[in-house]
Amino acid sequence: MKQSEEYVLLIEQKVTELIGLYEKLKTENESLVKKNDELNQVLENQSLKIEELEKRIINIKLAKQLTNNKEAAEAKKKINEVLREIDKCVGLLSK
């Protein structure tokens, strides 16, 4: 009987150890999920900022083209293209 009691105690110790490891891993997983969400938010914000900066670059290039008389026709063409693109976007947003 004494040997079976030792087995029961050993099993209880192992179960307790497994429960402790489970809780530790569960906490670590929750922390990693939270960190992942935060990083995804940062990534999304950075993507929006990049998009905004790219638009600003286009605007600056257009402004430079307008200052150059030789490229005025090309600038007008680019402006018209941008306006058409804006109109398309507005049309998609209003649907």
PDB file of N, CA and C in Angstrom:
ATOM      1  N   MET A   1       0.815  -1.184   0.000  1.00  0.00           N
ATOM      2  CA  MET A   1       0.000   0.000   0.000  1.00  0.00           C
ATOM      3  C   MET A   1       0.864   1.255   0.000  1.00  0.00           C
ATOM      4  N   LYS A   2       1.982   1.159   0.674  1.00  0.00           N
ATOM      5  CA  LYS A   2       2.848   2.315   0.782  1.00  0.00           C
ATOM      6  C   LYS A   2       3.373   2.732  -0.592  1.00  0.00           C
ATOM      7  N   GLN A   3       3.659   1.780  -1.437  1.00  0.00           N
ATOM      8  CA  GLN A   3       4.171   2.071  -2.768  1.00  0.00           C
ATOM      9  C   GLN A   3       3.107   2.788  -3.609  1.00  0.00           C
ATOM     10  N   SER A   4       1.868   2.389  -3.494  1.00  0.00           N
ATOM     11  CA  SER A   4       0.807   3.038  -4.260  1.00  0.00           C
ATOM     12  C   SER A   4       0.598   4.476  -3.784  1.00  0.00           C
ATOM     13  N   GLU A   5       0.794   4.725  -2.483  1.00  0.00           N
ATOM     14  CA  GLU A   5       0.685   6.087  -1.958  1.00  0.00           C
ATOM     15  C   GLU A   5       1.794   6.966  -2.522  1.00  0.00           C
ATOM     16  N   GLU A   6       2.980   6.380  -2.675  1.00  0.00           N
ATOM     17  CA  GLU A   6       4.100   7.120  -3.260  1.00  0.00           C
ATOM     18  C   GLU A   6       3.796   7.478  -4.720  1.00  0.00           C
ATOM     19  N   TYR A   7       3.186   6.547  -5.451  1.00  0.00           N
ATOM     20  CA  TYR A   7       2.812   6.821  -6.838  1.00  0.00           C
ATOM     21  C   TYR A   7       1.775   7.940  -6.919  1.00  0.00           C
ATOM     22  N   VAL A   8       0.822   7.901  -6.016  1.00  0.00           N
ATOM     23  CA  VAL A   8      -0.218   8.937  -5.993  1.00  0.00           C
ATOM     24  C   VAL A   8       0.419  10.291  -5.715  1.00  0.00           C
ATOM     25  N   LEU A   9       1.334  10.339  -4.738  1.00  0.00           N
ATOM     26  CA  LEU A   9       2.010  11.603  -4.429  1.00  0.00           C
ATOM     27  C   LEU A   9       2.842  12.093  -5.613  1.00  0.00           C
ATOM     28  N   LEU A  10       3.513  11.165  -6.258  1.00  0.00           N
ATOM     29  CA  LEU A  10       4.327  11.511  -7.427  1.00  0.00           C
ATOM     30  C   LEU A  10       3.438  12.062  -8.552  1.00  0.00           C
ATOM     31  N   ILE A  11       2.315  11.404  -8.773  1.00  0.00           N
ATOM     32  CA  ILE A  11       1.373  11.869  -9.804  1.00  0.00           C
ATOM     33  C   ILE A  11       0.827  13.238  -9.442  1.00  0.00           C
ATOM     34  N   GLU A  12       0.498  13.447  -8.162  1.00  0.00           N
ATOM     35  CA  GLU A  12      -0.005  14.755  -7.721  1.00  0.00           C
ATOM     36  C   GLU A  12       1.042  15.840  -7.944  1.00  0.00           C
ATOM     37  N   GLN A  13       2.299  15.524  -7.664  1.00  0.00           N
ATOM     38  CA  GLN A  13       3.371  16.491  -7.874  1.00  0.00           C
ATOM     39  C   GLN A  13       3.498  16.831  -9.360  1.00  0.00           C
ATOM     40  N   LYS A  14       3.440  15.815 -10.193  1.00  0.00           N
ATOM     41  CA  LYS A  14       3.564  16.033 -11.636  1.00  0.00           C
ATOM     42  C   LYS A  14       2.384  16.859 -12.165  1.00  0.00           C
ATOM     43  N   VAL A  15       1.177  16.555 -11.691  1.00  0.00           N
ATOM     44  CA  VAL A  15      -0.009  17.308 -12.115  1.00  0.00           C
ATOM     45  C   VAL A  15       0.113  18.764 -11.669  1.00  0.00           C
ATOM     46  N   THR A  16       0.561  18.972 -10.433  1.00  0.00           N
ATOM     47  CA  THR A  16       0.745  20.335  -9.922  1.00  0.00           C
ATOM     48  C   THR A  16       1.788  21.081 -10.760  1.00  0.00           C
ATOM     49  N   GLU A  17       2.855  20.383 -11.090  1.00  0.00           N
ATOM     50  CA  GLU A  17       3.904  20.976 -11.921  1.00  0.00           C
ATOM     51  C   GLU A  17       3.351  21.336 -13.310  1.00  0.00           C
ATOM     52  N   LEU A  18       2.573  20.430 -13.887  1.00  0.00           N
ATOM     53  CA  LEU A  18       1.977  20.691 -15.202  1.00  0.00           C
ATOM     54  C   LEU A  18       1.004  21.868 -15.166  1.00  0.00           C
ATOM     55  N   ILE A  19       0.230  21.964 -14.096  1.00  0.00           N
ATOM     56  CA  ILE A  19      -0.712  23.076 -13.949  1.00  0.00           C
ATOM     57  C   ILE A  19       0.067  24.393 -13.863  1.00  0.00           C
ATOM     58  N   GLY A  20       1.152  24.376 -13.113  1.00  0.00           N
ATOM     59  CA  GLY A  20       1.993  25.580 -13.006  1.00  0.00           C
ATOM     60  C   GLY A  20       2.565  25.983 -14.348  1.00  0.00           C
ATOM     61  N   LEU A  21       3.072  25.001 -15.097  1.00  0.00           N
ATOM     62  CA  LEU A  21       3.609  25.289 -16.436  1.00  0.00           C
ATOM     63  C   LEU A  21       2.513  25.799 -17.367  1.00  0.00           C
ATOM     64  N   TYR A  22       1.341  25.210 -17.263  1.00  0.00           N
ATOM     65  CA  TYR A  22       0.208  25.654 -18.084  1.00  0.00           C
ATOM     66  C   TYR A  22      -0.122  27.113 -17.795  1.00  0.00           C
ATOM     67  N   GLU A  23      -0.213  27.466 -16.528  1.00  0.00           N
ATOM     68  CA  GLU A  23      -0.541  28.850 -16.153  1.00  0.00           C
ATOM     69  C   GLU A  23       0.522  29.816 -16.648  1.00  0.00           C
ATOM     70  N   LYS A  24       1.787  29.420 -16.524  1.00  0.00           N
ATOM     71  CA  LYS A  24       2.887  30.267 -16.987  1.00  0.00           C
ATOM     72  C   LYS A  24       2.794  30.476 -18.495  1.00  0.00           C
ATOM     73  N   LEU A  25       2.568  29.399 -19.235  1.00  0.00           N
ATOM     74  CA  LEU A  25       2.476  29.497 -20.691  1.00  0.00           C
ATOM     75  C   LEU A  25       1.233  30.277 -21.123  1.00  0.00           C
ATOM     76  N   LYS A  26       0.155  30.118 -20.378  1.00  0.00           N
ATOM     77  CA  LYS A  26      -1.069  30.852 -20.690  1.00  0.00           C
ATOM     78  C   LYS A  26      -0.832  32.356 -20.529  1.00  0.00           C
ATOM     79  N   THR A  27      -0.175  32.732 -19.440  1.00  0.00           N
ATOM     80  CA  THR A  27       0.140  34.148 -19.202  1.00  0.00           C
ATOM     81  C   THR A  27       1.074  34.680 -20.279  1.00  0.00           C
ATOM     82  N   GLU A  28       2.081  33.898 -20.622  1.00  0.00           N
ATOM     83  CA  GLU A  28       3.028  34.305 -21.656  1.00  0.00           C
ATOM     84  C   GLU A  28       2.322  34.463 -23.003  1.00  0.00           C
ATOM     85  N   ASN A  29       1.421  33.552 -23.319  1.00  0.00           N
ATOM     86  CA  ASN A  29       0.678  33.617 -24.571  1.00  0.00           C
ATOM     87  C   ASN A  29      -0.191  34.874 -24.622  1.00  0.00           C
ATOM     88  N   GLU A  30      -0.870  35.179 -23.523  1.00  0.00           N
ATOM     89  CA  GLU A  30      -1.699  36.385 -23.477  1.00  0.00           C
ATOM     90  C   GLU A  30      -0.852  37.628 -23.678  1.00  0.00           C
ATOM     91  N   SER A  31       0.330  37.631 -23.082  1.00  0.00           N
ATOM     92  CA  SER A  31       1.248  38.761 -23.235  1.00  0.00           C
ATOM     93  C   SER A  31       1.697  38.900 -24.691  1.00  0.00           C
ATOM     94  N   LEU A  32       1.997  37.779 -25.315  1.00  0.00           N
ATOM     95  CA  LEU A  32       2.441  37.805 -26.713  1.00  0.00           C
ATOM     96  C   LEU A  32       1.320  38.236 -27.651  1.00  0.00           C
ATOM     97  N   VAL A  33       0.104  37.809 -27.378  1.00  0.00           N
ATOM     98  CA  VAL A  33      -1.035  38.230 -28.194  1.00  0.00           C
ATOM     99  C   VAL A  33      -1.227  39.737 -28.082  1.00  0.00           C
ATOM    100  N   LYS A  34      -1.117  40.261 -26.871  1.00  0.00           N
ATOM    101  CA  LYS A  34      -1.252  41.708 -26.651  1.00  0.00           C
ATOM    102  C   LYS A  34      -0.156  42.463 -27.385  1.00  0.00           C
ATOM    103  N   LYS A  35       1.072  41.980 -27.280  1.00  0.00           N
ATOM    104  CA  LYS A  35       2.209  42.614 -27.958  1.00  0.00           C
ATOM    105  C   LYS A  35       2.015  42.565 -29.467  1.00  0.00           C
ATOM    106  N   ASN A  36       1.512  41.465 -29.972  1.00  0.00           N
ATOM    107  CA  ASN A  36       1.251  41.320 -31.400  1.00  0.00           C
ATOM    108  C   ASN A  36       0.211  42.334 -31.860  1.00  0.00           C
ATOM    109  N   ASP A  37      -0.844  42.497 -31.085  1.00  0.00           N
ATOM    110  CA  ASP A  37      -1.874  43.483 -31.416  1.00  0.00           C
ATOM    111  C   ASP A  37      -1.297  44.893 -31.447  1.00  0.00           C
ATOM    112  N   GLU A  38      -0.462  45.201 -30.457  1.00  0.00           N
ATOM    113  CA  GLU A  38       0.162  46.519 -30.406  1.00  0.00           C
ATOM    114  C   GLU A  38       1.050  46.750 -31.631  1.00  0.00           C
ATOM    115  N   LEU A  39       1.827  45.747 -31.998  1.00  0.00           N
ATOM    116  CA  LEU A  39       2.711  45.877 -33.157  1.00  0.00           C
ATOM    117  C   LEU A  39       1.917  46.002 -34.453  1.00  0.00           C
ATOM    118  N   ASN A  40       0.802  45.296 -34.538  1.00  0.00           N
ATOM    119  CA  ASN A  40      -0.043  45.429 -35.723  1.00  0.00           C
ATOM    120  C   ASN A  40      -0.607  46.837 -35.827  1.00  0.00           C
ATOM    121  N   GLN A  41      -0.958  47.429 -34.688  1.00  0.00           N
ATOM    122  CA  GLN A  41      -1.468  48.803 -34.682  1.00  0.00           C
ATOM    123  C   GLN A  41      -0.376  49.776 -35.123  1.00  0.00           C
ATOM    124  N   VAL A  42       0.843  49.573 -34.624  1.00  0.00           N
ATOM    125  CA  VAL A  42       1.973  50.421 -35.021  1.00  0.00           C
ATOM    126  C   VAL A  42       2.214  50.287 -36.522  1.00  0.00           C
ATOM    127  N   LEU A  43       2.168  49.069 -37.013  1.00  0.00           N
ATOM    128  CA  LEU A  43       2.365  48.828 -38.445  1.00  0.00           C
ATOM    129  C   LEU A  43       1.303  49.536 -39.272  1.00  0.00           C
ATOM    130  N   GLU A  44       0.070  49.456 -38.844  1.00  0.00           N
ATOM    131  CA  GLU A  44      -1.017  50.123 -39.560  1.00  0.00           C
ATOM    132  C   GLU A  44      -0.811  51.636 -39.556  1.00  0.00           C
ATOM    133  N   ASN A  45      -0.434  52.193 -38.416  1.00  0.00           N
ATOM    134  CA  ASN A  45      -0.179  53.630 -38.324  1.00  0.00           C
ATOM    135  C   ASN A  45       0.970  54.049 -39.235  1.00  0.00           C
ATOM    136  N   GLN A  46       2.017  53.246 -39.258  1.00  0.00           N
ATOM    137  CA  GLN A  46       3.163  53.557 -40.116  1.00  0.00           C
ATOM    138  C   GLN A  46       2.784  53.468 -41.597  1.00  0.00           C
ATOM    139  N   SER A  47       1.958  52.508 -41.939  1.00  0.00           N
ATOM    140  CA  SER A  47       1.510  52.384 -43.327  1.00  0.00           C
ATOM    141  C   SER A  47       0.708  53.609 -43.748  1.00  0.00           C
ATOM    142  N   LEU A  48      -0.157  54.077 -42.861  1.00  0.00           N
ATOM    143  CA  LEU A  48      -0.932  55.284 -43.159  1.00  0.00           C
ATOM    144  C   LEU A  48      -0.026  56.495 -43.302  1.00  0.00           C
ATOM    145  N   LYS A  49       0.976  56.574 -42.456  1.00  0.00           N
ATOM    146  CA  LYS A  49       1.916  57.700 -42.521  1.00  0.00           C
ATOM    147  C   LYS A  49       2.711  57.651 -43.829  1.00  0.00           C
ATOM    148  N   ILE A  50       3.134  56.473 -44.231  1.00  0.00           N
ATOM    149  CA  ILE A  50       3.866  56.319 -45.495  1.00  0.00           C
ATOM    150  C   ILE A  50       2.994  56.749 -46.663  1.00  0.00           C
ATOM    151  N   GLU A  51       1.746  56.317 -46.641  1.00  0.00           N
ATOM    152  CA  GLU A  51       0.816  56.691 -47.707  1.00  0.00           C
ATOM    153  C   GLU A  51       0.656  58.210 -47.773  1.00  0.00           C
ATOM    154  N   GLU A  52       0.504  58.835 -46.612  1.00  0.00           N
ATOM    155  CA  GLU A  52       0.358  60.297 -46.554  1.00  0.00           C
ATOM    156  C   GLU A  52       1.609  60.989 -47.089  1.00  0.00           C
ATOM    157  N   LEU A  53       2.780  60.492 -46.710  1.00  0.00           N
ATOM    158  CA  LEU A  53       4.033  61.092 -47.169  1.00  0.00           C
ATOM    159  C   LEU A  53       4.219  60.911 -48.674  1.00  0.00           C
ATOM    160  N   GLU A  54       3.806  59.760 -49.196  1.00  0.00           N
ATOM    161  CA  GLU A  54       3.892  59.544 -50.640  1.00  0.00           C
ATOM    162  C   GLU A  54       3.002  60.532 -51.386  1.00  0.00           C
ATOM    163  N   LYS A  55       1.826  60.814 -50.839  1.00  0.00           N
ATOM    164  CA  LYS A  55       0.948  61.801 -51.457  1.00  0.00           C
ATOM    165  C   LYS A  55       1.590  63.185 -51.417  1.00  0.00           C
ATOM    166  N   ARG A  56       2.236  63.500 -50.310  1.00  0.00           N
ATOM    167  CA  ARG A  56       2.910  64.794 -50.204  1.00  0.00           C
ATOM    168  C   ARG A  56       4.037  64.904 -51.219  1.00  0.00           C
ATOM    169  N   ILE A  57       4.753  63.807 -51.434  1.00  0.00           N
ATOM    170  CA  ILE A  57       5.831  63.802 -52.429  1.00  0.00           C
ATOM    171  C   ILE A  57       5.260  64.092 -53.811  1.00  0.00           C
ATOM    172  N   ILE A  58       4.146  63.457 -54.132  1.00  0.00           N
ATOM    173  CA  ILE A  58       3.500  63.693 -55.428  1.00  0.00           C
ATOM    174  C   ILE A  58       3.116  65.165 -55.560  1.00  0.00           C
ATOM    175  N   ASN A  59       2.554  65.718 -54.495  1.00  0.00           N
ATOM    176  CA  ASN A  59       2.164  67.129 -54.533  1.00  0.00           C
ATOM    177  C   ASN A  59       3.371  68.045 -54.716  1.00  0.00           C
ATOM    178  N   ILE A  60       4.455  67.734 -54.039  1.00  0.00           N
ATOM    179  CA  ILE A  60       5.668  68.545 -54.179  1.00  0.00           C
ATOM    180  C   ILE A  60       6.210  68.450 -55.604  1.00  0.00           C
ATOM    181  N   LYS A  61       6.201  67.245 -56.146  1.00  0.00           N
ATOM    182  CA  LYS A  61       6.664  67.086 -57.524  1.00  0.00           C
ATOM    183  C   LYS A  61       5.784  67.877 -58.486  1.00  0.00           C
ATOM    184  N   LEU A  62       4.492  67.838 -58.252  1.00  0.00           N
ATOM    185  CA  LEU A  62       3.581  68.616 -59.100  1.00  0.00           C
ATOM    186  C   LEU A  62       3.859  70.109 -58.967  1.00  0.00           C
ATOM    187  N   ALA A  63       4.105  70.562 -57.769  1.00  0.00           N
ATOM    188  CA  ALA A  63       4.399  71.976 -57.548  1.00  0.00           C
ATOM    189  C   ALA A  63       5.680  72.379 -58.269  1.00  0.00           C
ATOM    190  N   LYS A  64       6.677  71.517 -58.223  1.00  0.00           N
ATOM    191  CA  LYS A  64       7.933  71.816 -58.934  1.00  0.00           C
ATOM    192  C   LYS A  64       7.697  71.878 -60.440  1.00  0.00           C
ATOM    193  N   GLN A  65       6.853  70.975 -60.925  1.00  0.00           N
ATOM    194  CA  GLN A  65       6.567  70.973 -62.357  1.00  0.00           C
ATOM    195  C   GLN A  65       5.843  72.249 -62.772  1.00  0.00           C
ATOM    196  N   LEU A  66       4.998  72.756 -61.917  1.00  0.00           N
ATOM    197  CA  LEU A  66       4.265  73.978 -62.232  1.00  0.00           C
ATOM    198  C   LEU A  66       5.196  75.182 -62.325  1.00  0.00           C
ATOM    199  N   THR A  67       6.281  75.151 -61.571  1.00  0.00           N
ATOM    200  CA  THR A  67       7.222  76.267 -61.607  1.00  0.00           C
ATOM    201  C   THR A  67       8.075  76.242 -62.869  1.00  0.00           C
ATOM    202  N   ASN A  68       8.137  75.140 -63.516  1.00  0.00           N
ATOM    203  CA  ASN A  68       8.930  75.016 -64.736  1.00  0.00           C
ATOM    204  C   ASN A  68       8.001  75.176 -65.935  1.00  0.00           C
ATOM    205  N   ASN A  69       8.167  76.254 -66.692  1.00  0.00           N
ATOM    206  CA  ASN A  69       7.279  76.548 -67.822  1.00  0.00           C
ATOM    207  C   ASN A  69       7.307  75.475 -68.898  1.00  0.00           C
ATOM    208  N   LYS A  70       8.434  74.852 -69.089  1.00  0.00           N
ATOM    209  CA  LYS A  70       8.554  73.822 -70.124  1.00  0.00           C
ATOM    210  C   LYS A  70       7.668  72.615 -69.821  1.00  0.00           C
ATOM    211  N   GLU A  71       7.457  72.386 -68.552  1.00  0.00           N
ATOM    212  CA  GLU A  71       6.698  71.205 -68.162  1.00  0.00           C
ATOM    213  C   GLU A  71       5.292  71.557 -67.686  1.00  0.00           C
ATOM    214  N   ALA A  72       4.820  72.732 -68.006  1.00  0.00           N
ATOM    215  CA  ALA A  72       3.495  73.168 -67.562  1.00  0.00           C
ATOM    216  C   ALA A  72       2.399  72.266 -68.137  1.00  0.00           C
ATOM    217  N   ALA A  73       2.516  71.901 -69.394  1.00  0.00           N
ATOM    218  CA  ALA A  73       1.516  71.032 -70.015  1.00  0.00           C
ATOM    219  C   ALA A  73       1.486  69.665 -69.328  1.00  0.00           C
ATOM    220  N   GLU A  74       2.664  69.163 -69.030  1.00  0.00           N
ATOM    221  CA  GLU A  74       2.757  67.868 -68.340  1.00  0.00           C
ATOM    222  C   GLU A  74       2.150  67.969 -66.941  1.00  0.00           C
ATOM    223  N   ALA A  75       2.388  69.078 -66.279  1.00  0.00           N
ATOM    224  CA  ALA A  75       1.837  69.285 -64.943  1.00  0.00           C
ATOM    225  C   ALA A  75       0.316  69.326 -64.997  1.00  0.00           C
ATOM    226  N   LYS A  76      -0.226  70.015 -65.982  1.00  0.00           N
ATOM    227  CA  LYS A  76      -1.684  70.073 -66.131  1.00  0.00           C
ATOM    228  C   LYS A  76      -2.248  68.672 -66.344  1.00  0.00           C
ATOM    229  N   LYS A  77      -1.537  67.902 -67.139  1.00  0.00           N
ATOM    230  CA  LYS A  77      -1.966  66.525 -67.395  1.00  0.00           C
ATOM    231  C   LYS A  77      -1.951  65.718 -66.088  1.00  0.00           C
ATOM    232  N   LYS A  78      -0.892  65.874 -65.307  1.00  0.00           N
ATOM    233  CA  LYS A  78      -0.787  65.165 -64.036  1.00  0.00           C
ATOM    234  C   LYS A  78      -1.899  65.601 -63.071  1.00  0.00           C
ATOM    235  N   ILE A  79      -2.160  66.902 -63.036  1.00  0.00           N
ATOM    236  CA  ILE A  79      -3.222  67.413 -62.171  1.00  0.00           C
ATOM    237  C   ILE A  79      -4.558  66.815 -62.572  1.00  0.00           C
ATOM    238  N   ASN A  80      -4.815  66.766 -63.862  1.00  0.00           N
ATOM    239  CA  ASN A  80      -6.064  66.171 -64.338  1.00  0.00           C
ATOM    240  C   ASN A  80      -6.155  64.692 -63.958  1.00  0.00           C
ATOM    241  N   GLU A  81      -5.034  63.984 -64.050  1.00  0.00           N
ATOM    242  CA  GLU A  81      -5.016  62.575 -63.659  1.00  0.00           C
ATOM    243  C   GLU A  81      -5.330  62.432 -62.169  1.00  0.00           C
ATOM    244  N   VAL A  82      -4.708  63.287 -61.375  1.00  0.00           N
ATOM    245  CA  VAL A  82      -4.939  63.239 -59.932  1.00  0.00           C
ATOM    246  C   VAL A  82      -6.400  63.571 -59.620  1.00  0.00           C
ATOM    247  N   LEU A  83      -6.931  64.572 -60.285  1.00  0.00           N
ATOM    248  CA  LEU A  83      -8.335  64.931 -60.070  1.00  0.00           C
ATOM    249  C   LEU A  83      -9.268  63.784 -60.458  1.00  0.00           C
ATOM    250  N   ARG A  84      -8.970  63.120 -61.554  1.00  0.00           N
ATOM    251  CA  ARG A  84      -9.790  61.970 -61.955  1.00  0.00           C
ATOM    252  C   ARG A  84      -9.710  60.866 -60.913  1.00  0.00           C
ATOM    253  N   GLU A  85      -8.509  60.640 -60.392  1.00  0.00           N
ATOM    254  CA  GLU A  85      -8.332  59.621 -59.351  1.00  0.00           C
ATOM    255  C   GLU A  85      -9.117  59.996 -58.092  1.00  0.00           C
ATOM    256  N   ILE A  86      -9.077  61.269 -57.738  1.00  0.00           N
ATOM    257  CA  ILE A  86      -9.839  61.743 -56.576  1.00  0.00           C
ATOM    258  C   ILE A  86     -11.327  61.543 -56.814  1.00  0.00           C
ATOM    259  N   ASP A  87     -11.805  61.866 -58.007  1.00  0.00           N
ATOM    260  CA  ASP A  87     -13.208  61.688 -58.341  1.00  0.00           C
ATOM    261  C   ASP A  87     -13.607  60.215 -58.233  1.00  0.00           C
ATOM    262  N   LYS A  88     -12.736  59.323 -58.684  1.00  0.00           N
ATOM    263  CA  LYS A  88     -13.009  57.887 -58.572  1.00  0.00           C
ATOM    264  C   LYS A  88     -13.126  57.488 -57.109  1.00  0.00           C
ATOM    265  N   CYS A  89     -12.190  57.975 -56.306  1.00  0.00           N
ATOM    266  CA  CYS A  89     -12.203  57.640 -54.874  1.00  0.00           C
ATOM    267  C   CYS A  89     -13.473  58.156 -54.200  1.00  0.00           C
ATOM    268  N   VAL A  90     -13.852  59.381 -54.523  1.00  0.00           N
ATOM    269  CA  VAL A  90     -15.055  59.958 -53.957  1.00  0.00           C
ATOM    270  C   VAL A  90     -16.271  59.129 -54.377  1.00  0.00           C
ATOM    271  N   GLY A  91     -16.287  58.720 -55.627  1.00  0.00           N
ATOM    272  CA  GLY A  91     -17.373  57.899 -56.127  1.00  0.00           C
ATOM    273  C   GLY A  91     -17.460  56.565 -55.386  1.00  0.00           C
ATOM    274  N   LEU A  92     -16.306  55.952 -55.121  1.00  0.00           N
ATOM    275  CA  LEU A  92     -16.297  54.685 -54.392  1.00  0.00           C
ATOM    276  C   LEU A  92     -16.724  54.878 -52.945  1.00  0.00           C
ATOM    277  N   LEU A  93     -16.337  55.987 -52.354  1.00  0.00           N
ATOM    278  CA  LEU A  93     -16.716  56.249 -50.965  1.00  0.00           C
ATOM    279  C   LEU A  93     -18.191  56.555 -50.807  1.00  0.00           C
ATOM    280  N   SER A  94     -18.773  57.139 -51.828  1.00  0.00           N
ATOM    281  CA  SER A  94     -20.190  57.510 -51.709  1.00  0.00           C
ATOM    282  C   SER A  94     -21.119  56.340 -51.966  1.00  0.00           C
ATOM    283  N   LYS A  95     -20.586  55.216 -52.389  1.00  0.00           N
ATOM    284  CA  LYS A  95     -21.437  54.039 -52.641  1.00  0.00           C
ATOM    285  C   LYS A  95     -21.825  53.363 -51.369  1.00  0.00           C
TER     286      LYS A  95
END
